[in-house]
Amino acid sequence: MSSSFYELPNNYILRTPSEEHASRQAELQLIVFPTLAKEELMTEKHYKRHLDIFPEGQLVILDGEKVIASSTAMRQNYPKGHHTFLDISDHLWMGTHDPVGEWLYGLDLSVHPDYRRKGLGRAIYNLRHEIARNLGCKGQLTAGMPIGFDRVKNKMTIEAYCEALMNGEMIDPTVSAQIKCGFILVEPLYHYLNDPRSGNASILMYRPIDPQTKLK
C-alpha cells in the first residue's frame, strides 16, 4: 500500500490510515455529524474497505494515537445531473471508484470539534490536491454541507440559503471555509443526504489543477 506521512504543527501527523484507525474514524463520524442519518455514517467496515479499494485517497490526522481528522476520497468522472451521497459512494462502500476517473471526489472530511480552526481541513485539502496532481486528475470535487442553514431555517428555505451562498451573499461555516481553500461552487444538490442541519442539501464544488478548467 502506498502511503503519505507528514508532520504538521503541534506534532500532529497527517498520514494514510491503517486498518487499526478505522474504528476511531467511525467514532469521529458520530461526533462530527450528529444529525446525519445512520445509513449515511461510515463505519469501521466501510473505512477498511476504502483502504482496500483506493488507499491513496484515504487520510487521517493524528494527535498521538487520537484520530482528530479523517478524509475519504475516490476517483470519479464529473457527475452530470443530480446525484445523492449514497449514489455516488455506492452506499458508502466505494464500489463506484473509477481507477481512471478524471477527478478526486471527496466523500468526507471530518475534523474533531476540539481541533477546529487549526488549519487541519486546509492541510487535508492541500494534500488531496497534490494526490490529484500526482495521479493526473483534473483536480478535486466535493459536495459541501451548508450546515449554517440550521441557524436560519425558520427564516428562509434551503433553496434560498443555497442561492445566497452561490451569490456570495452569506457566510456558511463549511461552504465558506471550502471556498477559502480554493473551491469553486457549481450548483446545489438538493436531497443529497439526510441531515436536517444542512436542509438535506449539499453544494457541488471543484478545485481544479489548471485554473483554466471550468465546470458548469
N, C-alpha and C. Protein backbone atom coordinates (compact mmCIF):
# COMPACT_ATOMS: atom_id res chain seq x y z
N MET A 1 0.84 -1.19 0.00
CA MET A 1 0.00 0.00 0.00
C MET A 1 0.88 1.24 0.00
N SER A 2 0.68 2.16 -0.97
CA SER A 2 1.40 3.43 -0.95
C SER A 2 0.87 4.26 0.21
N SER A 3 1.73 5.12 0.76
CA SER A 3 1.30 5.86 1.94
C SER A 3 1.88 7.26 1.92
N SER A 4 1.19 8.17 2.65
CA SER A 4 1.65 9.52 2.86
C SER A 4 1.91 9.70 4.34
N PHE A 5 2.90 10.53 4.69
CA PHE A 5 3.23 10.76 6.09
C PHE A 5 3.85 12.14 6.19
N TYR A 6 3.17 13.08 6.88
CA TYR A 6 3.66 14.43 7.00
C TYR A 6 3.47 14.91 8.44
N GLU A 7 4.46 15.62 8.93
CA GLU A 7 4.35 16.21 10.27
C GLU A 7 3.82 17.63 10.14
N LEU A 8 2.78 17.94 10.91
CA LEU A 8 2.15 19.25 10.93
C LEU A 8 2.55 19.98 12.22
N PRO A 9 2.23 21.28 12.34
CA PRO A 9 2.47 21.97 13.60
C PRO A 9 1.80 21.25 14.78
N ASN A 10 2.30 21.46 15.97
CA ASN A 10 1.80 20.82 17.20
C ASN A 10 2.06 19.32 17.23
N ASN A 11 2.99 18.88 16.38
CA ASN A 11 3.34 17.46 16.32
C ASN A 11 2.19 16.57 15.83
N TYR A 12 1.22 17.16 15.15
CA TYR A 12 0.16 16.35 14.55
C TYR A 12 0.75 15.65 13.32
N ILE A 13 0.25 14.46 13.03
CA ILE A 13 0.73 13.68 11.89
C ILE A 13 -0.40 13.48 10.90
N LEU A 14 -0.16 13.89 9.66
CA LEU A 14 -1.10 13.67 8.55
C LEU A 14 -0.57 12.49 7.76
N ARG A 15 -1.37 11.44 7.65
CA ARG A 15 -0.87 10.22 7.02
C ARG A 15 -1.99 9.39 6.42
N THR A 16 -1.58 8.42 5.63
CA THR A 16 -2.51 7.38 5.18
C THR A 16 -2.88 6.52 6.38
N PRO A 17 -4.17 6.27 6.60
CA PRO A 17 -4.54 5.44 7.76
C PRO A 17 -4.19 3.97 7.55
N SER A 18 -4.17 3.24 8.63
CA SER A 18 -4.09 1.79 8.58
C SER A 18 -5.40 1.24 9.11
N GLU A 19 -5.58 -0.05 9.03
CA GLU A 19 -6.84 -0.64 9.48
C GLU A 19 -7.10 -0.38 10.96
N GLU A 20 -6.06 -0.23 11.75
CA GLU A 20 -6.25 0.00 13.18
C GLU A 20 -6.89 1.35 13.49
N HIS A 21 -6.88 2.26 12.51
CA HIS A 21 -7.50 3.57 12.71
C HIS A 21 -8.99 3.56 12.39
N ALA A 22 -9.50 2.51 11.74
CA ALA A 22 -10.86 2.50 11.22
C ALA A 22 -11.92 2.71 12.29
N SER A 23 -11.76 2.07 13.43
CA SER A 23 -12.77 2.20 14.48
C SER A 23 -12.81 3.62 15.02
N ARG A 24 -11.64 4.27 15.09
CA ARG A 24 -11.58 5.64 15.59
C ARG A 24 -12.10 6.63 14.54
N GLN A 25 -11.93 6.32 13.28
CA GLN A 25 -12.53 7.14 12.23
C GLN A 25 -14.05 7.09 12.33
N ALA A 26 -14.59 5.90 12.57
CA ALA A 26 -16.04 5.74 12.70
C ALA A 26 -16.55 6.50 13.93
N GLU A 27 -15.82 6.48 15.02
CA GLU A 27 -16.21 7.23 16.21
C GLU A 27 -16.22 8.72 15.93
N LEU A 28 -15.26 9.19 15.14
CA LEU A 28 -15.21 10.61 14.80
C LEU A 28 -16.42 11.02 13.97
N GLN A 29 -16.89 10.16 13.08
CA GLN A 29 -18.08 10.45 12.30
C GLN A 29 -19.28 10.78 13.19
N LEU A 30 -19.46 10.00 14.24
CA LEU A 30 -20.59 10.20 15.14
C LEU A 30 -20.50 11.54 15.85
N ILE A 31 -19.28 11.99 16.13
CA ILE A 31 -19.09 13.27 16.81
C ILE A 31 -19.31 14.45 15.86
N VAL A 32 -18.77 14.34 14.66
CA VAL A 32 -18.79 15.45 13.71
C VAL A 32 -20.14 15.61 13.02
N PHE A 33 -20.84 14.48 12.79
CA PHE A 33 -22.12 14.53 12.07
C PHE A 33 -23.24 13.96 12.95
N PRO A 34 -23.60 14.65 14.03
CA PRO A 34 -24.57 14.10 14.99
C PRO A 34 -25.99 13.98 14.44
N THR A 35 -26.33 14.73 13.40
CA THR A 35 -27.68 14.70 12.86
C THR A 35 -27.78 13.97 11.53
N LEU A 36 -26.68 13.43 11.05
CA LEU A 36 -26.69 12.69 9.79
C LEU A 36 -27.37 11.34 9.98
N ALA A 37 -28.15 10.92 8.98
CA ALA A 37 -28.85 9.64 9.06
C ALA A 37 -27.87 8.49 9.26
N LYS A 38 -28.29 7.50 10.03
CA LYS A 38 -27.41 6.39 10.39
C LYS A 38 -26.86 5.69 9.16
N GLU A 39 -27.69 5.52 8.12
CA GLU A 39 -27.24 4.79 6.94
C GLU A 39 -26.23 5.59 6.12
N GLU A 40 -26.00 6.85 6.48
CA GLU A 40 -25.03 7.68 5.77
C GLU A 40 -23.75 7.91 6.57
N LEU A 41 -23.64 7.28 7.73
CA LEU A 41 -22.44 7.37 8.55
C LEU A 41 -21.51 6.21 8.24
N MET A 42 -20.25 6.51 7.98
CA MET A 42 -19.28 5.46 7.66
C MET A 42 -18.91 4.69 8.93
N THR A 43 -18.79 3.39 8.78
CA THR A 43 -18.48 2.51 9.89
C THR A 43 -17.04 1.99 9.77
N GLU A 44 -16.62 1.25 10.76
CA GLU A 44 -15.28 0.65 10.72
C GLU A 44 -15.12 -0.23 9.48
N LYS A 45 -16.14 -0.99 9.13
CA LYS A 45 -16.06 -1.86 7.95
C LYS A 45 -15.92 -1.05 6.67
N HIS A 46 -16.62 0.08 6.59
CA HIS A 46 -16.50 0.93 5.41
C HIS A 46 -15.07 1.43 5.25
N TYR A 47 -14.51 1.94 6.34
CA TYR A 47 -13.16 2.51 6.26
C TYR A 47 -12.12 1.46 5.86
N LYS A 48 -12.26 0.28 6.36
CA LYS A 48 -11.33 -0.78 5.97
C LYS A 48 -11.49 -1.12 4.49
N ARG A 49 -12.72 -1.11 4.02
CA ARG A 49 -12.97 -1.39 2.60
C ARG A 49 -12.37 -0.29 1.72
N HIS A 50 -12.46 0.95 2.15
CA HIS A 50 -11.90 2.06 1.37
C HIS A 50 -10.39 1.89 1.20
N LEU A 51 -9.73 1.42 2.23
CA LEU A 51 -8.29 1.18 2.14
C LEU A 51 -7.95 0.10 1.13
N ASP A 52 -8.81 -0.90 1.05
CA ASP A 52 -8.60 -1.98 0.07
C ASP A 52 -8.76 -1.45 -1.36
N ILE A 53 -9.71 -0.55 -1.55
CA ILE A 53 -10.05 -0.09 -2.90
C ILE A 53 -9.11 0.99 -3.40
N PHE A 54 -8.84 1.98 -2.54
CA PHE A 54 -8.10 3.16 -3.00
C PHE A 54 -7.34 3.79 -1.83
N PRO A 55 -6.26 3.18 -1.39
CA PRO A 55 -5.54 3.71 -0.23
C PRO A 55 -5.01 5.12 -0.43
N GLU A 56 -4.68 5.48 -1.67
CA GLU A 56 -4.13 6.81 -1.93
C GLU A 56 -5.09 7.93 -1.55
N GLY A 57 -6.38 7.64 -1.55
CA GLY A 57 -7.38 8.68 -1.29
C GLY A 57 -7.82 8.78 0.16
N GLN A 58 -7.22 7.99 1.05
CA GLN A 58 -7.66 7.97 2.45
C GLN A 58 -6.61 8.65 3.32
N LEU A 59 -7.05 9.51 4.25
CA LEU A 59 -6.14 10.26 5.09
C LEU A 59 -6.68 10.38 6.51
N VAL A 60 -5.79 10.47 7.47
CA VAL A 60 -6.15 10.82 8.85
C VAL A 60 -5.10 11.79 9.38
N ILE A 61 -5.50 12.56 10.39
CA ILE A 61 -4.55 13.36 11.16
C ILE A 61 -4.60 12.85 12.59
N LEU A 62 -3.42 12.62 13.15
CA LEU A 62 -3.31 12.05 14.49
C LEU A 62 -2.69 13.05 15.46
N ASP A 63 -3.23 13.08 16.67
CA ASP A 63 -2.60 13.74 17.81
C ASP A 63 -2.20 12.61 18.75
N GLY A 64 -0.97 12.17 18.65
CA GLY A 64 -0.57 10.95 19.34
C GLY A 64 -1.27 9.78 18.68
N GLU A 65 -2.07 9.05 19.44
CA GLU A 65 -2.83 7.93 18.90
C GLU A 65 -4.28 8.33 18.56
N LYS A 66 -4.66 9.56 18.88
CA LYS A 66 -6.04 10.01 18.68
C LYS A 66 -6.27 10.47 17.25
N VAL A 67 -7.31 9.97 16.60
CA VAL A 67 -7.70 10.43 15.27
C VAL A 67 -8.48 11.73 15.43
N ILE A 68 -7.90 12.84 15.01
CA ILE A 68 -8.55 14.14 15.17
C ILE A 68 -9.13 14.67 13.86
N ALA A 69 -8.80 14.02 12.75
CA ALA A 69 -9.38 14.37 11.46
C ALA A 69 -9.30 13.16 10.54
N SER A 70 -10.24 13.08 9.62
CA SER A 70 -10.32 11.92 8.73
C SER A 70 -10.87 12.36 7.39
N SER A 71 -10.40 11.74 6.34
CA SER A 71 -10.82 12.11 4.99
C SER A 71 -10.94 10.88 4.10
N THR A 72 -12.01 10.85 3.32
CA THR A 72 -12.27 9.76 2.39
C THR A 72 -12.45 10.33 0.98
N ALA A 73 -11.74 9.79 0.01
CA ALA A 73 -11.88 10.25 -1.37
C ALA A 73 -11.73 9.08 -2.33
N MET A 74 -12.29 9.25 -3.51
CA MET A 74 -12.18 8.25 -4.57
C MET A 74 -12.02 8.97 -5.90
N ARG A 75 -11.78 8.23 -6.96
CA ARG A 75 -11.70 8.83 -8.29
C ARG A 75 -13.03 8.64 -9.02
N GLN A 76 -13.48 9.71 -9.68
CA GLN A 76 -14.72 9.68 -10.42
C GLN A 76 -14.64 10.67 -11.56
N ASN A 77 -15.44 10.46 -12.59
CA ASN A 77 -15.62 11.48 -13.61
C ASN A 77 -16.67 12.47 -13.11
N TYR A 78 -16.71 13.64 -13.72
CA TYR A 78 -17.66 14.66 -13.30
C TYR A 78 -19.09 14.12 -13.42
N PRO A 79 -19.82 14.06 -12.29
CA PRO A 79 -21.18 13.50 -12.32
C PRO A 79 -22.19 14.54 -12.80
N LYS A 80 -22.56 14.47 -14.05
CA LYS A 80 -23.53 15.43 -14.58
C LYS A 80 -24.93 15.08 -14.08
N GLY A 81 -25.68 16.10 -13.72
CA GLY A 81 -27.03 15.87 -13.22
C GLY A 81 -27.02 15.58 -11.73
N HIS A 82 -28.20 15.44 -11.17
CA HIS A 82 -28.32 15.25 -9.72
C HIS A 82 -27.87 13.86 -9.31
N HIS A 83 -27.21 13.80 -8.16
CA HIS A 83 -26.87 12.53 -7.55
C HIS A 83 -26.92 12.70 -6.04
N THR A 84 -27.01 11.61 -5.33
CA THR A 84 -27.05 11.66 -3.88
C THR A 84 -25.74 11.13 -3.31
N PHE A 85 -25.55 11.35 -2.02
CA PHE A 85 -24.36 10.86 -1.34
C PHE A 85 -24.27 9.34 -1.40
N LEU A 86 -25.40 8.67 -1.21
CA LEU A 86 -25.40 7.20 -1.25
C LEU A 86 -25.19 6.70 -2.67
N ASP A 87 -25.71 7.43 -3.68
CA ASP A 87 -25.49 7.05 -5.08
C ASP A 87 -24.01 7.09 -5.43
N ILE A 88 -23.38 8.24 -5.15
CA ILE A 88 -22.01 8.45 -5.60
C ILE A 88 -21.03 7.58 -4.83
N SER A 89 -21.39 7.19 -3.60
CA SER A 89 -20.47 6.42 -2.76
C SER A 89 -20.74 4.92 -2.76
N ASP A 90 -21.72 4.47 -3.58
CA ASP A 90 -22.12 3.06 -3.54
C ASP A 90 -22.54 2.68 -2.12
N HIS A 91 -23.42 3.52 -1.55
CA HIS A 91 -23.90 3.29 -0.18
C HIS A 91 -22.73 3.12 0.80
N LEU A 92 -21.72 3.98 0.58
CA LEU A 92 -20.53 4.13 1.44
C LEU A 92 -19.46 3.06 1.19
N TRP A 93 -19.71 2.08 0.31
CA TRP A 93 -18.74 1.00 0.09
C TRP A 93 -17.72 1.37 -0.98
N MET A 94 -17.93 2.44 -1.69
CA MET A 94 -16.99 2.98 -2.67
C MET A 94 -16.76 2.07 -3.87
N GLY A 95 -17.76 1.26 -4.19
CA GLY A 95 -17.68 0.45 -5.40
C GLY A 95 -17.76 1.29 -6.66
N THR A 96 -18.12 2.56 -6.53
CA THR A 96 -18.20 3.49 -7.66
C THR A 96 -16.84 4.12 -7.98
N HIS A 97 -15.81 3.78 -7.22
CA HIS A 97 -14.46 4.29 -7.50
C HIS A 97 -14.03 3.87 -8.90
N ASP A 98 -13.59 4.83 -9.70
CA ASP A 98 -13.10 4.58 -11.06
C ASP A 98 -11.59 4.78 -11.06
N PRO A 99 -10.81 3.73 -11.25
CA PRO A 99 -9.35 3.85 -11.19
C PRO A 99 -8.76 4.85 -12.17
N VAL A 100 -9.51 5.20 -13.23
CA VAL A 100 -9.02 6.18 -14.19
C VAL A 100 -9.91 7.42 -14.21
N GLY A 101 -10.72 7.63 -13.17
CA GLY A 101 -11.59 8.79 -13.10
C GLY A 101 -10.80 10.09 -13.16
N GLU A 102 -11.39 11.11 -13.76
CA GLU A 102 -10.68 12.36 -14.02
C GLU A 102 -10.58 13.27 -12.79
N TRP A 103 -11.40 13.02 -11.78
CA TRP A 103 -11.42 13.88 -10.61
C TRP A 103 -11.26 13.06 -9.33
N LEU A 104 -10.66 13.69 -8.32
CA LEU A 104 -10.62 13.11 -6.98
C LEU A 104 -11.85 13.63 -6.24
N TYR A 105 -12.82 12.75 -5.99
CA TYR A 105 -14.09 13.13 -5.38
C TYR A 105 -14.00 12.88 -3.87
N GLY A 106 -14.06 13.97 -3.11
CA GLY A 106 -14.02 13.88 -1.65
C GLY A 106 -15.38 13.53 -1.08
N LEU A 107 -15.48 12.35 -0.48
CA LEU A 107 -16.75 11.91 0.10
C LEU A 107 -16.93 12.41 1.53
N ASP A 108 -15.84 12.64 2.21
CA ASP A 108 -15.93 13.00 3.62
C ASP A 108 -14.68 13.74 4.06
N LEU A 109 -14.87 14.73 4.92
CA LEU A 109 -13.76 15.34 5.65
C LEU A 109 -14.28 15.70 7.03
N SER A 110 -13.73 15.06 8.05
CA SER A 110 -14.20 15.25 9.42
C SER A 110 -13.06 15.78 10.28
N VAL A 111 -13.32 16.86 11.02
CA VAL A 111 -12.35 17.40 11.97
C VAL A 111 -13.02 17.46 13.34
N HIS A 112 -12.37 16.89 14.34
CA HIS A 112 -12.93 16.87 15.69
C HIS A 112 -13.18 18.31 16.15
N PRO A 113 -14.33 18.58 16.78
CA PRO A 113 -14.66 19.96 17.21
C PRO A 113 -13.57 20.61 18.07
N ASP A 114 -12.86 19.84 18.87
CA ASP A 114 -11.82 20.41 19.74
C ASP A 114 -10.58 20.84 18.96
N TYR A 115 -10.50 20.48 17.69
CA TYR A 115 -9.30 20.76 16.90
C TYR A 115 -9.59 21.63 15.68
N ARG A 116 -10.72 22.30 15.67
CA ARG A 116 -11.06 23.15 14.53
C ARG A 116 -10.33 24.50 14.62
N ARG A 117 -10.28 25.18 13.49
CA ARG A 117 -9.58 26.47 13.37
C ARG A 117 -8.08 26.33 13.61
N LYS A 118 -7.55 25.19 13.28
CA LYS A 118 -6.12 24.95 13.36
C LYS A 118 -5.51 24.65 11.99
N GLY A 119 -6.33 24.80 10.94
CA GLY A 119 -5.83 24.56 9.59
C GLY A 119 -5.76 23.10 9.18
N LEU A 120 -6.42 22.21 9.95
CA LEU A 120 -6.34 20.79 9.63
C LEU A 120 -7.11 20.45 8.35
N GLY A 121 -8.28 21.05 8.19
CA GLY A 121 -9.04 20.81 6.96
C GLY A 121 -8.27 21.30 5.74
N ARG A 122 -7.68 22.48 5.85
CA ARG A 122 -6.89 23.02 4.74
C ARG A 122 -5.71 22.10 4.42
N ALA A 123 -5.07 21.56 5.44
CA ALA A 123 -3.94 20.65 5.22
C ALA A 123 -4.38 19.42 4.44
N ILE A 124 -5.55 18.90 4.78
CA ILE A 124 -6.06 17.73 4.05
C ILE A 124 -6.40 18.09 2.61
N TYR A 125 -7.09 19.21 2.41
CA TYR A 125 -7.43 19.62 1.05
C TYR A 125 -6.17 19.84 0.21
N ASN A 126 -5.15 20.43 0.81
CA ASN A 126 -3.91 20.68 0.06
C ASN A 126 -3.21 19.37 -0.32
N LEU A 127 -3.19 18.41 0.61
CA LEU A 127 -2.58 17.12 0.28
C LEU A 127 -3.42 16.38 -0.76
N ARG A 128 -4.73 16.44 -0.62
CA ARG A 128 -5.60 15.85 -1.66
C ARG A 128 -5.24 16.43 -3.02
N HIS A 129 -4.98 17.74 -3.05
CA HIS A 129 -4.67 18.39 -4.33
C HIS A 129 -3.39 17.82 -4.92
N GLU A 130 -2.40 17.59 -4.08
CA GLU A 130 -1.15 17.00 -4.57
C GLU A 130 -1.37 15.56 -5.02
N ILE A 131 -2.22 14.84 -4.31
CA ILE A 131 -2.54 13.47 -4.72
C ILE A 131 -3.23 13.49 -6.08
N ALA A 132 -4.19 14.41 -6.26
CA ALA A 132 -4.88 14.53 -7.55
C ALA A 132 -3.89 14.86 -8.66
N ARG A 133 -2.97 15.78 -8.38
CA ARG A 133 -1.97 16.17 -9.38
C ARG A 133 -1.09 14.97 -9.75
N ASN A 134 -0.63 14.25 -8.74
CA ASN A 134 0.27 13.12 -8.99
C ASN A 134 -0.42 11.99 -9.74
N LEU A 135 -1.74 11.86 -9.56
CA LEU A 135 -2.49 10.83 -10.27
C LEU A 135 -2.89 11.26 -11.68
N GLY A 136 -2.64 12.51 -12.02
CA GLY A 136 -3.03 13.01 -13.33
C GLY A 136 -4.48 13.41 -13.41
N CYS A 137 -5.11 13.65 -12.27
CA CYS A 137 -6.52 14.06 -12.25
C CYS A 137 -6.64 15.56 -12.58
N LYS A 138 -7.85 15.99 -12.88
CA LYS A 138 -8.10 17.40 -13.18
C LYS A 138 -8.18 18.25 -11.92
N GLY A 139 -8.36 17.60 -10.76
CA GLY A 139 -8.48 18.33 -9.51
C GLY A 139 -9.41 17.60 -8.57
N GLN A 140 -10.01 18.35 -7.65
CA GLN A 140 -10.89 17.78 -6.65
C GLN A 140 -12.34 18.18 -6.88
N LEU A 141 -13.23 17.26 -6.58
CA LEU A 141 -14.66 17.53 -6.48
C LEU A 141 -15.09 17.19 -5.06
N THR A 142 -16.08 17.90 -4.54
CA THR A 142 -16.70 17.51 -3.29
C THR A 142 -18.07 18.17 -3.21
N ALA A 143 -18.87 17.71 -2.27
CA ALA A 143 -20.19 18.30 -2.03
C ALA A 143 -20.19 18.83 -0.60
N GLY A 144 -20.18 20.15 -0.45
CA GLY A 144 -20.10 20.77 0.86
C GLY A 144 -21.46 20.89 1.53
N MET A 145 -21.52 20.55 2.80
CA MET A 145 -22.77 20.60 3.56
C MET A 145 -22.98 22.01 4.12
N PRO A 146 -24.06 22.68 3.73
CA PRO A 146 -24.32 24.04 4.23
C PRO A 146 -24.93 24.01 5.63
N ILE A 147 -24.11 23.67 6.62
CA ILE A 147 -24.64 23.44 7.97
C ILE A 147 -25.11 24.72 8.64
N GLY A 148 -24.72 25.87 8.11
CA GLY A 148 -25.20 27.13 8.68
C GLY A 148 -26.69 27.34 8.48
N PHE A 149 -27.30 26.53 7.60
CA PHE A 149 -28.75 26.65 7.38
C PHE A 149 -29.51 26.44 8.67
N ASP A 150 -28.97 25.64 9.57
CA ASP A 150 -29.65 25.35 10.83
C ASP A 150 -29.95 26.61 11.63
N ARG A 151 -29.12 27.64 11.46
CA ARG A 151 -29.30 28.88 12.21
C ARG A 151 -30.39 29.78 11.64
N VAL A 152 -30.73 29.55 10.37
CA VAL A 152 -31.70 30.45 9.72
C VAL A 152 -32.90 29.70 9.15
N LYS A 153 -33.06 28.42 9.52
CA LYS A 153 -34.10 27.58 8.91
C LYS A 153 -35.51 28.08 9.17
N ASN A 154 -35.70 28.91 10.20
CA ASN A 154 -37.03 29.46 10.47
C ASN A 154 -37.28 30.75 9.72
N LYS A 155 -36.28 31.21 8.97
CA LYS A 155 -36.40 32.48 8.25
C LYS A 155 -36.38 32.32 6.74
N MET A 156 -35.81 31.20 6.25
CA MET A 156 -35.67 31.02 4.81
C MET A 156 -35.62 29.55 4.45
N THR A 157 -35.86 29.25 3.18
CA THR A 157 -35.80 27.87 2.71
C THR A 157 -34.36 27.50 2.39
N ILE A 158 -34.11 26.20 2.28
CA ILE A 158 -32.77 25.76 1.91
C ILE A 158 -32.42 26.22 0.50
N GLU A 159 -33.41 26.31 -0.38
CA GLU A 159 -33.16 26.79 -1.73
C GLU A 159 -32.67 28.24 -1.71
N ALA A 160 -33.32 29.07 -0.89
CA ALA A 160 -32.91 30.48 -0.79
C ALA A 160 -31.53 30.59 -0.15
N TYR A 161 -31.26 29.73 0.83
CA TYR A 161 -29.97 29.76 1.52
C TYR A 161 -28.85 29.38 0.56
N CYS A 162 -29.04 28.32 -0.19
CA CYS A 162 -28.02 27.89 -1.16
C CYS A 162 -27.82 28.95 -2.24
N GLU A 163 -28.89 29.56 -2.70
CA GLU A 163 -28.77 30.61 -3.71
C GLU A 163 -27.95 31.78 -3.17
N ALA A 164 -28.18 32.12 -1.90
CA ALA A 164 -27.42 33.21 -1.29
C ALA A 164 -25.94 32.85 -1.19
N LEU A 165 -25.63 31.59 -0.87
CA LEU A 165 -24.25 31.14 -0.83
C LEU A 165 -23.61 31.19 -2.22
N MET A 166 -24.36 30.74 -3.22
CA MET A 166 -23.84 30.74 -4.59
C MET A 166 -23.53 32.16 -5.05
N ASN A 167 -24.32 33.13 -4.56
CA ASN A 167 -24.14 34.53 -4.96
C ASN A 167 -23.18 35.29 -4.04
N GLY A 168 -22.62 34.58 -3.06
CA GLY A 168 -21.69 35.23 -2.15
C GLY A 168 -22.33 36.19 -1.18
N GLU A 169 -23.61 35.97 -0.88
CA GLU A 169 -24.35 36.90 -0.02
C GLU A 169 -24.42 36.44 1.44
N MET A 170 -23.97 35.22 1.73
CA MET A 170 -23.99 34.71 3.09
C MET A 170 -22.71 33.94 3.37
N ILE A 171 -22.42 33.78 4.66
CA ILE A 171 -21.26 33.03 5.11
C ILE A 171 -21.73 31.75 5.78
N ASP A 172 -21.14 30.63 5.40
CA ASP A 172 -21.50 29.34 5.98
C ASP A 172 -20.25 28.70 6.59
N PRO A 173 -20.36 28.09 7.78
CA PRO A 173 -19.19 27.54 8.44
C PRO A 173 -18.40 26.54 7.59
N THR A 174 -19.11 25.73 6.81
CA THR A 174 -18.43 24.72 6.00
C THR A 174 -18.14 25.22 4.59
N VAL A 175 -19.16 25.66 3.89
CA VAL A 175 -19.01 26.03 2.48
C VAL A 175 -18.05 27.21 2.30
N SER A 176 -18.16 28.21 3.16
CA SER A 176 -17.28 29.38 3.03
C SER A 176 -15.83 28.99 3.31
N ALA A 177 -15.62 28.07 4.26
CA ALA A 177 -14.26 27.59 4.54
C ALA A 177 -13.69 26.85 3.34
N GLN A 178 -14.54 26.10 2.63
CA GLN A 178 -14.09 25.38 1.45
C GLN A 178 -13.73 26.35 0.32
N ILE A 179 -14.49 27.43 0.21
CA ILE A 179 -14.17 28.45 -0.79
C ILE A 179 -12.80 29.05 -0.50
N LYS A 180 -12.49 29.29 0.79
CA LYS A 180 -11.19 29.83 1.17
C LYS A 180 -10.06 28.87 0.84
N CYS A 181 -10.39 27.58 0.75
CA CYS A 181 -9.39 26.56 0.40
C CYS A 181 -9.24 26.40 -1.11
N GLY A 182 -9.93 27.24 -1.88
CA GLY A 182 -9.76 27.23 -3.32
C GLY A 182 -10.87 26.58 -4.12
N PHE A 183 -11.96 26.18 -3.46
CA PHE A 183 -13.05 25.53 -4.18
C PHE A 183 -13.97 26.56 -4.83
N ILE A 184 -14.50 26.16 -5.98
CA ILE A 184 -15.43 26.98 -6.76
C ILE A 184 -16.79 26.28 -6.76
N LEU A 185 -17.84 27.01 -6.41
CA LEU A 185 -19.17 26.42 -6.33
C LEU A 185 -19.74 26.19 -7.72
N VAL A 186 -20.42 25.04 -7.89
CA VAL A 186 -21.03 24.69 -9.18
C VAL A 186 -22.54 24.79 -9.11
N GLU A 187 -23.16 24.02 -8.21
CA GLU A 187 -24.62 24.01 -8.11
C GLU A 187 -25.05 23.32 -6.82
N PRO A 188 -26.23 23.70 -6.30
CA PRO A 188 -26.78 22.99 -5.14
C PRO A 188 -27.24 21.59 -5.54
N LEU A 189 -27.11 20.66 -4.61
CA LEU A 189 -27.63 19.31 -4.77
C LEU A 189 -28.66 19.10 -3.66
N TYR A 190 -29.92 19.32 -4.00
CA TYR A 190 -30.98 19.16 -3.01
C TYR A 190 -31.28 17.68 -2.80
N HIS A 191 -31.65 17.31 -1.59
CA HIS A 191 -31.90 15.90 -1.23
C HIS A 191 -30.67 15.04 -1.48
N TYR A 192 -29.50 15.63 -1.28
CA TYR A 192 -28.24 14.90 -1.48
C TYR A 192 -28.02 13.90 -0.36
N LEU A 193 -28.41 14.28 0.85
CA LEU A 193 -28.28 13.40 2.01
C LEU A 193 -29.42 13.66 2.97
N ASN A 194 -29.38 12.95 4.10
CA ASN A 194 -30.45 13.08 5.08
C ASN A 194 -29.87 13.68 6.36
N ASP A 195 -29.83 15.01 6.39
CA ASP A 195 -29.28 15.74 7.53
C ASP A 195 -30.04 17.06 7.66
N PRO A 196 -30.94 17.17 8.64
CA PRO A 196 -31.75 18.39 8.76
C PRO A 196 -30.92 19.64 9.03
N ARG A 197 -29.75 19.48 9.63
CA ARG A 197 -28.91 20.65 9.92
C ARG A 197 -28.54 21.39 8.65
N SER A 198 -28.35 20.65 7.55
CA SER A 198 -27.99 21.27 6.27
C SER A 198 -29.16 21.28 5.29
N GLY A 199 -30.37 21.10 5.80
CA GLY A 199 -31.53 21.10 4.93
C GLY A 199 -31.52 19.97 3.93
N ASN A 200 -30.83 18.88 4.25
CA ASN A 200 -30.69 17.71 3.38
C ASN A 200 -29.97 18.02 2.06
N ALA A 201 -29.30 19.15 2.01
CA ALA A 201 -28.66 19.58 0.76
C ALA A 201 -27.15 19.63 0.91
N SER A 202 -26.49 19.70 -0.23
CA SER A 202 -25.06 20.00 -0.31
C SER A 202 -24.85 20.85 -1.55
N ILE A 203 -23.65 21.40 -1.66
CA ILE A 203 -23.33 22.21 -2.84
C ILE A 203 -22.11 21.59 -3.53
N LEU A 204 -22.29 21.18 -4.78
CA LEU A 204 -21.20 20.60 -5.55
C LEU A 204 -20.18 21.69 -5.86
N MET A 205 -18.90 21.38 -5.66
CA MET A 205 -17.83 22.35 -5.90
C MET A 205 -16.59 21.63 -6.41
N TYR A 206 -15.67 22.40 -6.97
CA TYR A 206 -14.45 21.81 -7.51
C TYR A 206 -13.27 22.74 -7.26
N ARG A 207 -12.09 22.12 -7.22
CA ARG A 207 -10.82 22.85 -7.13
C ARG A 207 -9.92 22.29 -8.22
N PRO A 208 -9.75 23.01 -9.32
CA PRO A 208 -9.01 22.47 -10.46
C PRO A 208 -7.50 22.59 -10.30
N ILE A 209 -6.79 21.66 -10.92
CA ILE A 209 -5.33 21.77 -11.01
C ILE A 209 -4.97 22.93 -11.94
N ASP A 210 -5.62 22.95 -13.10
CA ASP A 210 -5.43 24.01 -14.09
C ASP A 210 -6.52 25.08 -13.89
N PRO A 211 -6.16 26.31 -13.56
CA PRO A 211 -7.17 27.35 -13.35
C PRO A 211 -8.09 27.58 -14.54
N GLN A 212 -7.67 27.14 -15.72
CA GLN A 212 -8.49 27.33 -16.91
C GLN A 212 -9.62 26.30 -17.01
N THR A 213 -9.58 25.25 -16.17
CA THR A 213 -10.61 24.23 -16.19
C THR A 213 -11.88 24.79 -15.54
N LYS A 214 -12.98 24.74 -16.27
CA LYS A 214 -14.25 25.29 -15.78
C LYS A 214 -15.33 24.23 -15.82
N LEU A 215 -16.12 24.18 -14.76
CA LEU A 215 -17.30 23.31 -14.72
C LEU A 215 -18.53 24.17 -14.59
N LYS A 216 -19.62 23.76 -15.23
CA LYS A 216 -20.88 24.48 -15.15
C LYS A 216 -21.97 23.53 -14.71
